[in-house]
């Protein structure tokens, strides 16, 4: 078995695409309409993707309290400054639970927890 993608529902496709491309650094790999009033986008390179789904009927969703998506960054300090400059509030961290990783958590435009982590 192989992990293929994570799917999240989004409130605004354009705002979400901008976030995941400009802040997280993922590349758009596919975007299409799926039926009436539904749009799907896939981001990322390689085998594992992030799928964004926008649909008018899914506007009142809960982004999940216990769910976060973690992304590896080269420099936690540079990423932390960039996230703050773009106006996102850091909700946890930076934290270093062991000598090999440090991270911080903030929210995407839909309320999903995003974790940027630097590993050594």
PDB file of N, CA and C in Angstrom:
ATOM      1  N   UNK A   1       0.844  -1.170   0.000  1.00  0.00           N
ATOM      2  CA  UNK A   1       0.000   0.000   0.000  1.00  0.00           C
ATOM      3  C   UNK A   1       0.895   1.240   0.000  1.00  0.00           C
ATOM      4  N   UNK A   2       0.422   2.291  -0.665  1.00  0.00           N
ATOM      5  CA  UNK A   2       1.188   3.524  -0.765  1.00  0.00           C
ATOM      6  C   UNK A   2       0.265   4.700  -0.491  1.00  0.00           C
ATOM      7  N   UNK A   3       0.726   5.651   0.300  1.00  0.00           N
ATOM      8  CA  UNK A   3      -0.054   6.853   0.609  1.00  0.00           C
ATOM      9  C   UNK A   3      -0.034   7.773  -0.606  1.00  0.00           C
ATOM     10  N   UNK A   4      -1.219   8.197  -1.077  1.00  0.00           N
ATOM     11  CA  UNK A   4      -1.303   9.005  -2.298  1.00  0.00           C
ATOM     12  C   UNK A   4      -1.563  10.479  -2.036  1.00  0.00           C
ATOM     13  N   UNK A   5      -2.598  10.807  -1.250  1.00  0.00           N
ATOM     14  CA  UNK A   5      -2.901  12.207  -1.017  1.00  0.00           C
ATOM     15  C   UNK A   5      -3.703  12.394   0.253  1.00  0.00           C
ATOM     16  N   UNK A   6      -3.721  13.651   0.702  1.00  0.00           N
ATOM     17  CA  UNK A   6      -4.576  14.108   1.780  1.00  0.00           C
ATOM     18  C   UNK A   6      -5.587  15.050   1.161  1.00  0.00           C
ATOM     19  N   UNK A   7      -6.850  14.886   1.495  1.00  0.00           N
ATOM     20  CA  UNK A   7      -7.911  15.737   0.958  1.00  0.00           C
ATOM     21  C   UNK A   7      -8.415  16.674   2.044  1.00  0.00           C
ATOM     22  N   UNK A   8      -8.534  17.950   1.695  1.00  0.00           N
ATOM     23  CA  UNK A   8      -9.145  18.917   2.602  1.00  0.00           C
ATOM     24  C   UNK A   8     -10.193  19.721   1.833  1.00  0.00           C
ATOM     25  N   UNK A   9     -11.251  20.080   2.525  1.00  0.00           N
ATOM     26  CA  UNK A   9     -12.269  20.956   1.955  1.00  0.00           C
ATOM     27  C   UNK A   9     -11.850  22.391   2.246  1.00  0.00           C
ATOM     28  N   UNK A  10     -12.056  23.271   1.277  1.00  0.00           N
ATOM     29  CA  UNK A  10     -11.640  24.657   1.424  1.00  0.00           C
ATOM     30  C   UNK A  10     -12.821  25.596   1.215  1.00  0.00           C
ATOM     31  N   UNK A  11     -12.755  26.755   1.865  1.00  0.00           N
ATOM     32  CA  UNK A  11     -13.817  27.751   1.769  1.00  0.00           C
ATOM     33  C   UNK A  11     -13.699  28.598   0.511  1.00  0.00           C
ATOM     34  N   UNK A  12     -12.468  28.779   0.040  1.00  0.00           N
ATOM     35  CA  UNK A  12     -12.207  29.608  -1.129  1.00  0.00           C
ATOM     36  C   UNK A  12     -11.021  29.001  -1.872  1.00  0.00           C
ATOM     37  N   UNK A  13     -11.238  28.521  -3.098  1.00  0.00           N
ATOM     38  CA  UNK A  13     -10.174  27.831  -3.830  1.00  0.00           C
ATOM     39  C   UNK A  13      -9.020  28.772  -4.152  1.00  0.00           C
ATOM     40  N   UNK A  14      -9.293  29.986  -4.609  1.00  0.00           N
ATOM     41  CA  UNK A  14      -8.211  30.909  -4.991  1.00  0.00           C
ATOM     42  C   UNK A  14      -7.339  31.256  -3.792  1.00  0.00           C
ATOM     43  N   UNK A  15      -7.958  31.583  -2.666  1.00  0.00           N
ATOM     44  CA  UNK A  15      -7.217  31.926  -1.459  1.00  0.00           C
ATOM     45  C   UNK A  15      -6.396  30.733  -0.974  1.00  0.00           C
ATOM     46  N   UNK A  16      -6.977  29.547  -1.033  1.00  0.00           N
ATOM     47  CA  UNK A  16      -6.279  28.341  -0.580  1.00  0.00           C
ATOM     48  C   UNK A  16      -5.120  27.994  -1.508  1.00  0.00           C
ATOM     49  N   UNK A  17      -5.328  28.102  -2.820  1.00  0.00           N
ATOM     50  CA  UNK A  17      -4.232  27.851  -3.767  1.00  0.00           C
ATOM     51  C   UNK A  17      -3.090  28.832  -3.543  1.00  0.00           C
ATOM     52  N   UNK A  18      -3.421  30.087  -3.344  1.00  0.00           N
ATOM     53  CA  UNK A  18      -2.388  31.098  -3.095  1.00  0.00           C
ATOM     54  C   UNK A  18      -1.579  30.738  -1.846  1.00  0.00           C
ATOM     55  N   UNK A  19      -2.279  30.346  -0.774  1.00  0.00           N
ATOM     56  CA  UNK A  19      -1.601  29.968   0.466  1.00  0.00           C
ATOM     57  C   UNK A  19      -0.665  28.782   0.249  1.00  0.00           C
ATOM     58  N   UNK A  20      -1.186  27.707  -0.314  1.00  0.00           N
ATOM     59  CA  UNK A  20      -0.383  26.490  -0.442  1.00  0.00           C
ATOM     60  C   UNK A  20       0.741  26.626  -1.478  1.00  0.00           C
ATOM     61  N   UNK A  21       0.587  27.534  -2.419  1.00  0.00           N
ATOM     62  CA  UNK A  21       1.666  27.766  -3.379  1.00  0.00           C
ATOM     63  C   UNK A  21       2.692  28.751  -2.822  1.00  0.00           C
ATOM     64  N   UNK A  22       2.231  29.889  -2.297  1.00  0.00           N
ATOM     65  CA  UNK A  22       3.153  30.945  -1.876  1.00  0.00           C
ATOM     66  C   UNK A  22       3.738  30.745  -0.485  1.00  0.00           C
ATOM     67  N   UNK A  23       2.974  30.243   0.448  1.00  0.00           N
ATOM     68  CA  UNK A  23       3.459  30.076   1.821  1.00  0.00           C
ATOM     69  C   UNK A  23       4.101  28.700   2.010  1.00  0.00           C
ATOM     70  N   UNK A  24       3.422  27.653   1.585  1.00  0.00           N
ATOM     71  CA  UNK A  24       3.934  26.291   1.777  1.00  0.00           C
ATOM     72  C   UNK A  24       4.933  25.908   0.683  1.00  0.00           C
ATOM     73  N   UNK A  25       4.752  26.439  -0.524  1.00  0.00           N
ATOM     74  CA  UNK A  25       5.691  26.155  -1.607  1.00  0.00           C
ATOM     75  C   UNK A  25       5.331  24.961  -2.474  1.00  0.00           C
ATOM     76  N   UNK A  26       4.068  24.521  -2.409  1.00  0.00           N
ATOM     77  CA  UNK A  26       3.645  23.399  -3.239  1.00  0.00           C
ATOM     78  C   UNK A  26       3.289  23.893  -4.640  1.00  0.00           C
ATOM     79  N   UNK A  27       3.557  23.072  -5.628  1.00  0.00           N
ATOM     80  CA  UNK A  27       3.214  23.407  -7.012  1.00  0.00           C
ATOM     81  C   UNK A  27       1.874  22.795  -7.383  1.00  0.00           C
ATOM     82  N   UNK A  28       1.094  23.551  -8.146  1.00  0.00           N
ATOM     83  CA  UNK A  28      -0.181  23.055  -8.645  1.00  0.00           C
ATOM     84  C   UNK A  28       0.100  22.010  -9.711  1.00  0.00           C
ATOM     85  N   UNK A  29      -0.451  20.802  -9.534  1.00  0.00           N
ATOM     86  CA  UNK A  29      -0.210  19.751 -10.520  1.00  0.00           C
ATOM     87  C   UNK A  29      -1.449  19.446 -11.360  1.00  0.00           C
ATOM     88  N   UNK A  30      -2.647  19.777 -10.832  1.00  0.00           N
ATOM     89  CA  UNK A  30      -3.872  19.539 -11.602  1.00  0.00           C
ATOM     90  C   UNK A  30      -4.991  20.354 -10.983  1.00  0.00           C
ATOM     91  N   UNK A  31      -5.905  20.816 -11.849  1.00  0.00           N
ATOM     92  CA  UNK A  31      -7.063  21.591 -11.383  1.00  0.00           C
ATOM     93  C   UNK A  31      -8.195  21.370 -12.366  1.00  0.00           C
ATOM     94  N   UNK A  32      -9.380  21.026 -11.827  1.00  0.00           N
ATOM     95  CA  UNK A  32     -10.495  20.751 -12.720  1.00  0.00           C
ATOM     96  C   UNK A  32     -11.823  20.894 -11.989  1.00  0.00           C
ATOM     97  N   UNK A  33     -12.896  21.053 -12.744  1.00  0.00           N
ATOM     98  CA  UNK A  33     -14.249  21.056 -12.207  1.00  0.00           C
ATOM     99  C   UNK A  33     -14.744  19.619 -12.179  1.00  0.00           C
ATOM    100  N   UNK A  34     -15.483  19.301 -11.133  1.00  0.00           N
ATOM    101  CA  UNK A  34     -16.019  17.955 -10.991  1.00  0.00           C
ATOM    102  C   UNK A  34     -17.507  18.069 -10.705  1.00  0.00           C
ATOM    103  N   UNK A  35     -18.287  18.037 -11.741  1.00  0.00           N
ATOM    104  CA  UNK A  35     -19.724  18.149 -11.561  1.00  0.00           C
ATOM    105  C   UNK A  35     -20.152  19.578 -11.314  1.00  0.00           C
ATOM    106  N   UNK A  36     -21.331  19.725 -10.829  1.00  0.00           N
ATOM    107  CA  UNK A  36     -21.927  21.035 -10.597  1.00  0.00           C
ATOM    108  C   UNK A  36     -21.394  21.658  -9.306  1.00  0.00           C
ATOM    109  N   UNK A  37     -20.855  22.848  -9.419  1.00  0.00           N
ATOM    110  CA  UNK A  37     -20.395  23.636  -8.260  1.00  0.00           C
ATOM    111  C   UNK A  37     -19.312  22.954  -7.428  1.00  0.00           C
ATOM    112  N   UNK A  38     -18.455  22.163  -8.038  1.00  0.00           N
ATOM    113  CA  UNK A  38     -17.336  21.553  -7.316  1.00  0.00           C
ATOM    114  C   UNK A  38     -16.063  21.713  -8.134  1.00  0.00           C
ATOM    115  N   UNK A  39     -15.004  22.131  -7.441  1.00  0.00           N
ATOM    116  CA  UNK A  39     -13.702  22.264  -8.093  1.00  0.00           C
ATOM    117  C   UNK A  39     -12.670  21.515  -7.253  1.00  0.00           C
ATOM    118  N   UNK A  40     -11.739  20.853  -7.933  1.00  0.00           N
ATOM    119  CA  UNK A  40     -10.704  20.069  -7.273  1.00  0.00           C
ATOM    120  C   UNK A  40      -9.351  20.507  -7.791  1.00  0.00           C
ATOM    121  N   UNK A  41      -8.394  20.650  -6.870  1.00  0.00           N
ATOM    122  CA  UNK A  41      -7.009  20.963  -7.232  1.00  0.00           C
ATOM    123  C   UNK A  41      -6.086  19.998  -6.504  1.00  0.00           C
ATOM    124  N   UNK A  42      -5.038  19.582  -7.180  1.00  0.00           N
ATOM    125  CA  UNK A  42      -3.981  18.770  -6.572  1.00  0.00           C
ATOM    126  C   UNK A  42      -2.706  19.586  -6.572  1.00  0.00           C
ATOM    127  N   UNK A  43      -2.010  19.559  -5.435  1.00  0.00           N
ATOM    128  CA  UNK A  43      -0.744  20.255  -5.293  1.00  0.00           C
ATOM    129  C   UNK A  43       0.318  19.279  -4.848  1.00  0.00           C
ATOM    130  N   UNK A  44       1.567  19.567  -5.212  1.00  0.00           N
ATOM    131  CA  UNK A  44       2.691  18.754  -4.784  1.00  0.00           C
ATOM    132  C   UNK A  44       3.340  18.047  -5.941  1.00  0.00           C
ATOM    133  N   UNK A  45       4.558  17.594  -5.680  1.00  0.00           N
ATOM    134  CA  UNK A  45       5.327  16.861  -6.680  1.00  0.00           C
ATOM    135  C   UNK A  45       5.629  15.476  -6.140  1.00  0.00           C
ATOM    136  N   UNK A  46       5.884  14.557  -7.019  1.00  0.00           N
ATOM    137  CA  UNK A  46       6.192  13.209  -6.578  1.00  0.00           C
ATOM    138  C   UNK A  46       4.926  12.427  -6.284  1.00  0.00           C
ATOM    139  N   UNK A  47       5.037  11.481  -5.395  1.00  0.00           N
ATOM    140  CA  UNK A  47       3.943  10.558  -5.149  1.00  0.00           C
ATOM    141  C   UNK A  47       2.866  11.100  -4.226  1.00  0.00           C
ATOM    142  N   UNK A  48       3.212  11.889  -3.221  1.00  0.00           N
ATOM    143  CA  UNK A  48       2.242  12.332  -2.234  1.00  0.00           C
ATOM    144  C   UNK A  48       1.733  13.729  -2.580  1.00  0.00           C
ATOM    145  N   UNK A  49       0.417  13.883  -2.627  1.00  0.00           N
ATOM    146  CA  UNK A  49      -0.212  15.144  -3.031  1.00  0.00           C
ATOM    147  C   UNK A  49      -1.155  15.656  -1.943  1.00  0.00           C
ATOM    148  N   UNK A  50      -1.510  16.927  -2.089  1.00  0.00           N
ATOM    149  CA  UNK A  50      -2.550  17.540  -1.285  1.00  0.00           C
ATOM    150  C   UNK A  50      -3.698  17.875  -2.227  1.00  0.00           C
ATOM    151  N   UNK A  51      -4.890  17.371  -1.908  1.00  0.00           N
ATOM    152  CA  UNK A  51      -6.073  17.614  -2.729  1.00  0.00           C
ATOM    153  C   UNK A  51      -6.951  18.644  -2.029  1.00  0.00           C
ATOM    154  N   UNK A  52      -7.287  19.716  -2.740  1.00  0.00           N
ATOM    155  CA  UNK A  52      -8.191  20.737  -2.235  1.00  0.00           C
ATOM    156  C   UNK A  52      -9.517  20.586  -2.955  1.00  0.00           C
ATOM    157  N   UNK A  53     -10.604  20.570  -2.206  1.00  0.00           N
ATOM    158  CA  UNK A  53     -11.934  20.480  -2.802  1.00  0.00           C
ATOM    159  C   UNK A  53     -12.753  21.685  -2.358  1.00  0.00           C
ATOM    160  N   UNK A  54     -13.283  22.403  -3.344  1.00  0.00           N
ATOM    161  CA  UNK A  54     -14.210  23.495  -3.064  1.00  0.00           C
ATOM    162  C   UNK A  54     -15.583  23.094  -3.589  1.00  0.00           C
ATOM    163  N   UNK A  55     -16.575  23.216  -2.735  1.00  0.00           N
ATOM    164  CA  UNK A  55     -17.954  22.972  -3.129  1.00  0.00           C
ATOM    165  C   UNK A  55     -18.846  23.850  -2.269  1.00  0.00           C
ATOM    166  N   UNK A  56     -19.827  24.471  -2.887  1.00  0.00           N
ATOM    167  CA  UNK A  56     -20.757  25.314  -2.132  1.00  0.00           C
ATOM    168  C   UNK A  56     -21.469  24.529  -1.039  1.00  0.00           C
ATOM    169  N   UNK A  57     -21.714  23.240  -1.250  1.00  0.00           N
ATOM    170  CA  UNK A  57     -22.434  22.449  -0.244  1.00  0.00           C
ATOM    171  C   UNK A  57     -21.564  22.068   0.960  1.00  0.00           C
ATOM    172  N   UNK A  58     -20.252  22.279   0.888  1.00  0.00           N
ATOM    173  CA  UNK A  58     -19.351  21.948   2.001  1.00  0.00           C
ATOM    174  C   UNK A  58     -18.767  23.196   2.654  1.00  0.00           C
ATOM    175  N   UNK A  59     -19.509  24.271   2.744  1.00  0.00           N
ATOM    176  CA  UNK A  59     -18.979  25.511   3.298  1.00  0.00           C
ATOM    177  C   UNK A  59     -18.986  25.555   4.823  1.00  0.00           C
ATOM    178  N   UNK A  60     -19.747  24.724   5.473  1.00  0.00           N
ATOM    179  CA  UNK A  60     -19.820  24.732   6.938  1.00  0.00           C
ATOM    180  C   UNK A  60     -19.110  23.519   7.528  1.00  0.00           C
ATOM    181  N   UNK A  61     -17.859  23.321   7.142  1.00  0.00           N
ATOM    182  CA  UNK A  61     -17.111  22.168   7.634  1.00  0.00           C
ATOM    183  C   UNK A  61     -16.264  22.551   8.838  1.00  0.00           C
ATOM    184  N   UNK A  62     -15.857  21.547   9.599  1.00  0.00           N
ATOM    185  CA  UNK A  62     -14.954  21.720  10.727  1.00  0.00           C
ATOM    186  C   UNK A  62     -13.594  21.208  10.283  1.00  0.00           C
ATOM    187  N   UNK A  63     -12.545  22.057  10.324  1.00  0.00           N
ATOM    188  CA  UNK A  63     -11.239  21.627   9.822  1.00  0.00           C
ATOM    189  C   UNK A  63     -10.543  20.572  10.675  1.00  0.00           C
ATOM    190  N   UNK A  64     -11.098  20.193  11.779  1.00  0.00           N
ATOM    191  CA  UNK A  64     -10.508  19.108  12.571  1.00  0.00           C
ATOM    192  C   UNK A  64      -9.546  19.628  13.612  1.00  0.00           C
ATOM    193  N   UNK A  65      -9.891  19.429  14.857  1.00  0.00           N
ATOM    194  CA  UNK A  65      -9.090  19.932  15.959  1.00  0.00           C
ATOM    195  C   UNK A  65      -7.795  19.156  16.154  1.00  0.00           C
ATOM    196  N   UNK A  66      -7.813  17.865  15.913  1.00  0.00           N
ATOM    197  CA  UNK A  66      -6.643  17.049  16.165  1.00  0.00           C
ATOM    198  C   UNK A  66      -5.800  16.769  14.940  1.00  0.00           C
ATOM    199  N   UNK A  67      -6.095  17.439  13.826  1.00  0.00           N
ATOM    200  CA  UNK A  67      -5.383  17.171  12.584  1.00  0.00           C
ATOM    201  C   UNK A  67      -4.439  18.321  12.276  1.00  0.00           C
ATOM    202  N   UNK A  68      -3.215  17.992  11.872  1.00  0.00           N
ATOM    203  CA  UNK A  68      -2.291  19.006  11.363  1.00  0.00           C
ATOM    204  C   UNK A  68      -1.523  18.395  10.205  1.00  0.00           C
ATOM    205  N   UNK A  69      -1.069  19.261   9.303  1.00  0.00           N
ATOM    206  CA  UNK A  69      -0.245  18.825   8.178  1.00  0.00           C
ATOM    207  C   UNK A  69       1.142  19.391   8.373  1.00  0.00           C
ATOM    208  N   UNK A  70       2.139  18.525   8.353  1.00  0.00           N
ATOM    209  CA  UNK A  70       3.516  18.939   8.588  1.00  0.00           C
ATOM    210  C   UNK A  70       4.306  19.017   7.297  1.00  0.00           C
ATOM    211  N   UNK A  71       5.088  20.094   7.152  1.00  0.00           N
ATOM    212  CA  UNK A  71       5.925  20.311   5.978  1.00  0.00           C
ATOM    213  C   UNK A  71       7.356  20.606   6.431  1.00  0.00           C
ATOM    214  N   UNK A  72       8.304  19.960   5.790  1.00  0.00           N
ATOM    215  CA  UNK A  72       9.711  20.162   6.100  1.00  0.00           C
ATOM    216  C   UNK A  72      10.177  21.481   5.487  1.00  0.00           C
ATOM    217  N   UNK A  73      10.901  22.277   6.278  1.00  0.00           N
ATOM    218  CA  UNK A  73      11.488  23.522   5.800  1.00  0.00           C
ATOM    219  C   UNK A  73      12.994  23.474   6.026  1.00  0.00           C
ATOM    220  N   UNK A  74      13.721  24.228   5.219  1.00  0.00           N
ATOM    221  CA  UNK A  74      15.188  24.269   5.359  1.00  0.00           C
ATOM    222  C   UNK A  74      15.601  25.081   6.582  1.00  0.00           C
ATOM    223  N   UNK A  75      14.923  26.203   6.821  1.00  0.00           N
ATOM    224  CA  UNK A  75      15.254  27.059   7.956  1.00  0.00           C
ATOM    225  C   UNK A  75      13.983  27.448   8.688  1.00  0.00           C
ATOM    226  N   UNK A  76      13.876  27.052   9.942  1.00  0.00           N
ATOM    227  CA  UNK A  76      12.705  27.391  10.723  1.00  0.00           C
ATOM    228  C   UNK A  76      12.621  28.898  10.946  1.00  0.00           C
ATOM    229  N   UNK A  77      13.765  29.544  11.181  1.00  0.00           N
ATOM    230  CA  UNK A  77      13.774  30.989  11.429  1.00  0.00           C
ATOM    231  C   UNK A  77      13.286  31.769  10.210  1.00  0.00           C
ATOM    232  N   UNK A  78      13.763  31.414   9.028  1.00  0.00           N
ATOM    233  CA  UNK A  78      13.336  32.087   7.802  1.00  0.00           C
ATOM    234  C   UNK A  78      11.837  31.859   7.578  1.00  0.00           C
ATOM    235  N   UNK A  79      11.380  30.641   7.768  1.00  0.00           N
ATOM    236  CA  UNK A  79       9.962  30.311   7.578  1.00  0.00           C
ATOM    237  C   UNK A  79       9.088  31.029   8.597  1.00  0.00           C
ATOM    238  N   UNK A  80       9.541  31.090   9.836  1.00  0.00           N
ATOM    239  CA  UNK A  80       8.799  31.779  10.887  1.00  0.00           C
ATOM    240  C   UNK A  80       8.626  33.257  10.547  1.00  0.00           C
ATOM    241  N   UNK A  81       9.696  33.900  10.103  1.00  0.00           N
ATOM    242  CA  UNK A  81       9.613  35.312   9.717  1.00  0.00           C
ATOM    243  C   UNK A  81       8.681  35.513   8.529  1.00  0.00           C
ATOM    244  N   UNK A  82       8.757  34.654   7.535  1.00  0.00           N
ATOM    245  CA  UNK A  82       7.909  34.766   6.354  1.00  0.00           C
ATOM    246  C   UNK A  82       6.437  34.627   6.725  1.00  0.00           C
ATOM    247  N   UNK A  83       6.116  33.650   7.556  1.00  0.00           N
ATOM    248  CA  UNK A  83       4.734  33.421   7.972  1.00  0.00           C
ATOM    249  C   UNK A  83       4.209  34.633   8.743  1.00  0.00           C
ATOM    250  N   UNK A  84       5.025  35.187   9.640  1.00  0.00           N
ATOM    251  CA  UNK A  84       4.613  36.370  10.401  1.00  0.00           C
ATOM    252  C   UNK A  84       4.428  37.576   9.476  1.00  0.00           C
ATOM    253  N   UNK A  85       5.351  37.764   8.522  1.00  0.00           N
ATOM    254  CA  UNK A  85       5.252  38.886   7.576  1.00  0.00           C
ATOM    255  C   UNK A  85       3.978  38.810   6.742  1.00  0.00           C
ATOM    256  N   UNK A  86       3.520  37.589   6.449  1.00  0.00           N
ATOM    257  CA  UNK A  86       2.299  37.418   5.655  1.00  0.00           C
ATOM    258  C   UNK A  86       1.040  37.525   6.506  1.00  0.00           C
ATOM    259  N   UNK A  87       1.219  37.750   7.822  1.00  0.00           N
ATOM    260  CA  UNK A  87       0.093  38.018   8.698  1.00  0.00           C
ATOM    261  C   UNK A  87      -0.564  36.822   9.346  1.00  0.00           C
ATOM    262  N   UNK A  88       0.103  35.668   9.332  1.00  0.00           N
ATOM    263  CA  UNK A  88      -0.460  34.486   9.968  1.00  0.00           C
ATOM    264  C   UNK A  88       0.000  34.416  11.418  1.00  0.00           C
ATOM    265  N   UNK A  89      -0.924  34.064  12.307  1.00  0.00           N
ATOM    266  CA  UNK A  89      -0.626  33.978  13.728  1.00  0.00           C
ATOM    267  C   UNK A  89      -0.046  32.614  14.070  1.00  0.00           C
ATOM    268  N   UNK A  90       1.066  32.622  14.779  1.00  0.00           N
ATOM    269  CA  UNK A  90       1.676  31.379  15.260  1.00  0.00           C
ATOM    270  C   UNK A  90       0.874  30.931  16.481  1.00  0.00           C
ATOM    271  N   UNK A  91       0.358  29.697  16.451  1.00  0.00           N
ATOM    272  CA  UNK A  91      -0.449  29.227  17.582  1.00  0.00           C
ATOM    273  C   UNK A  91       0.327  28.307  18.519  1.00  0.00           C
ATOM    274  N   UNK A  92       1.437  27.741  18.039  1.00  0.00           N
ATOM    275  CA  UNK A  92       2.300  26.908  18.884  1.00  0.00           C
ATOM    276  C   UNK A  92       3.744  27.082  18.434  1.00  0.00           C
ATOM    277  N   UNK A  93       4.626  27.281  19.400  1.00  0.00           N
ATOM    278  CA  UNK A  93       6.047  27.262  19.099  1.00  0.00           C
ATOM    279  C   UNK A  93       6.652  28.623  18.846  1.00  0.00           C
ATOM    280  N   UNK A  94       7.905  28.496  18.434  1.00  0.00           N
ATOM    281  CA  UNK A  94       8.661  27.296  18.077  1.00  0.00           C
ATOM    282  C   UNK A  94       8.914  26.377  19.279  1.00  0.00           C
ATOM    283  N   UNK A  95       8.904  25.084  18.978  1.00  0.00           N
ATOM    284  CA  UNK A  95       9.106  24.029  19.965  1.00  0.00           C
ATOM    285  C   UNK A  95      10.200  23.104  19.454  1.00  0.00           C
ATOM    286  N   UNK A  96      11.055  22.639  20.374  1.00  0.00           N
ATOM    287  CA  UNK A  96      12.087  21.660  20.011  1.00  0.00           C
ATOM    288  C   UNK A  96      11.973  20.475  20.966  1.00  0.00           C
ATOM    289  N   UNK A  97      11.166  19.448  20.591  1.00  0.00           N
ATOM    290  CA  UNK A  97      10.932  18.324  21.495  1.00  0.00           C
ATOM    291  C   UNK A  97      12.126  17.393  21.654  1.00  0.00           C
ATOM    292  N   UNK A  98      13.058  17.444  20.706  1.00  0.00           N
ATOM    293  CA  UNK A  98      14.299  16.674  20.821  1.00  0.00           C
ATOM    294  C   UNK A  98      15.369  17.409  19.999  1.00  0.00           C
ATOM    295  N   UNK A  99      16.631  16.993  20.096  1.00  0.00           N
ATOM    296  CA  UNK A  99      17.702  17.724  19.397  1.00  0.00           C
ATOM    297  C   UNK A  99      17.623  17.668  17.863  1.00  0.00           C
ATOM    298  N   UNK A 100      16.770  16.841  17.302  1.00  0.00           N
ATOM    299  CA  UNK A 100      16.759  16.637  15.850  1.00  0.00           C
ATOM    300  C   UNK A 100      15.614  17.323  15.115  1.00  0.00           C
ATOM    301  N   UNK A 101      14.687  17.931  15.851  1.00  0.00           N
ATOM    302  CA  UNK A 101      13.559  18.589  15.185  1.00  0.00           C
ATOM    303  C   UNK A 101      13.076  19.776  15.995  1.00  0.00           C
ATOM    304  N   UNK A 102      12.702  20.826  15.266  1.00  0.00           N
ATOM    305  CA  UNK A 102      12.012  21.953  15.887  1.00  0.00           C
ATOM    306  C   UNK A 102      10.934  22.403  14.911  1.00  0.00           C
ATOM    307  N   UNK A 103       9.838  22.929  15.467  1.00  0.00           N
ATOM    308  CA  UNK A 103       8.696  23.253  14.618  1.00  0.00           C
ATOM    309  C   UNK A 103       7.864  24.374  15.220  1.00  0.00           C
ATOM    310  N   UNK A 104       6.952  24.905  14.400  1.00  0.00           N
ATOM    311  CA  UNK A 104       5.911  25.802  14.872  1.00  0.00           C
ATOM    312  C   UNK A 104       4.633  25.479  14.108  1.00  0.00           C
ATOM    313  N   UNK A 105       3.501  25.894  14.675  1.00  0.00           N
ATOM    314  CA  UNK A 105       2.196  25.603  14.080  1.00  0.00           C
ATOM    315  C   UNK A 105       1.426  26.912  13.903  1.00  0.00           C
ATOM    316  N   UNK A 106       0.758  27.038  12.757  1.00  0.00           N
ATOM    317  CA  UNK A 106      -0.124  28.164  12.477  1.00  0.00           C
ATOM    318  C   UNK A 106      -1.307  27.644  11.679  1.00  0.00           C
ATOM    319  N   UNK A 107      -2.294  28.496  11.403  1.00  0.00           N
ATOM    320  CA  UNK A 107      -3.501  28.065  10.705  1.00  0.00           C
ATOM    321  C   UNK A 107      -3.513  28.541   9.258  1.00  0.00           C
ATOM    322  N   UNK A 108      -3.999  27.672   8.361  1.00  0.00           N
ATOM    323  CA  UNK A 108      -4.192  28.084   6.973  1.00  0.00           C
ATOM    324  C   UNK A 108      -5.487  28.914   6.891  1.00  0.00           C
ATOM    325  N   UNK A 109      -5.833  29.449   5.727  1.00  0.00           N
ATOM    326  CA  UNK A 109      -7.041  30.281   5.625  1.00  0.00           C
ATOM    327  C   UNK A 109      -8.352  29.568   5.943  1.00  0.00           C
ATOM    328  N   UNK A 110      -8.333  28.247   5.993  1.00  0.00           N
ATOM    329  CA  UNK A 110      -9.534  27.466   6.280  1.00  0.00           C
ATOM    330  C   UNK A 110      -9.622  27.002   7.727  1.00  0.00           C
ATOM    331  N   UNK A 111      -8.576  27.239   8.507  1.00  0.00           N
ATOM    332  CA  UNK A 111      -8.537  26.822   9.901  1.00  0.00           C
ATOM    333  C   UNK A 111      -7.803  25.524  10.154  1.00  0.00           C
ATOM    334  N   UNK A 112      -7.171  24.945   9.121  1.00  0.00           N
ATOM    335  CA  UNK A 112      -6.369  23.726   9.318  1.00  0.00           C
ATOM    336  C   UNK A 112      -5.025  24.080   9.936  1.00  0.00           C
ATOM    337  N   UNK A 113      -4.546  23.230  10.841  1.00  0.00           N
ATOM    338  CA  UNK A 113      -3.240  23.444  11.475  1.00  0.00           C
ATOM    339  C   UNK A 113      -2.130  23.038  10.490  1.00  0.00           C
ATOM    340  N   UNK A 114      -1.180  23.954  10.297  1.00  0.00           N
ATOM    341  CA  UNK A 114      -0.032  23.737   9.456  1.00  0.00           C
ATOM    342  C   UNK A 114       1.204  23.752  10.327  1.00  0.00           C
ATOM    343  N   UNK A 115       2.031  22.745  10.195  1.00  0.00           N
ATOM    344  CA  UNK A 115       3.250  22.637  10.993  1.00  0.00           C
ATOM    345  C   UNK A 115       4.448  22.735  10.053  1.00  0.00           C
ATOM    346  N   UNK A 116       5.316  23.713  10.296  1.00  0.00           N
ATOM    347  CA  UNK A 116       6.584  23.812   9.577  1.00  0.00           C
ATOM    348  C   UNK A 116       7.652  23.271  10.509  1.00  0.00           C
ATOM    349  N   UNK A 117       8.440  22.298  10.014  1.00  0.00           N
ATOM    350  CA  UNK A 117       9.427  21.623  10.855  1.00  0.00           C
ATOM    351  C   UNK A 117      10.799  21.629  10.185  1.00  0.00           C
ATOM    352  N   UNK A 118      11.809  21.897  10.984  1.00  0.00           N
ATOM    353  CA  UNK A 118      13.202  21.780  10.533  1.00  0.00           C
ATOM    354  C   UNK A 118      13.804  20.580  11.206  1.00  0.00           C
ATOM    355  N   UNK A 119      14.351  19.669  10.395  1.00  0.00           N
ATOM    356  CA  UNK A 119      14.970  18.457  10.914  1.00  0.00           C
ATOM    357  C   UNK A 119      16.469  18.526  10.719  1.00  0.00           C
ATOM    358  N   UNK A 120      17.192  17.904  11.650  1.00  0.00           N
ATOM    359  CA  UNK A 120      18.653  17.841  11.508  1.00  0.00           C
ATOM    360  C   UNK A 120      19.127  16.407  11.542  1.00  0.00           C
TER     361      UNK A 120
END
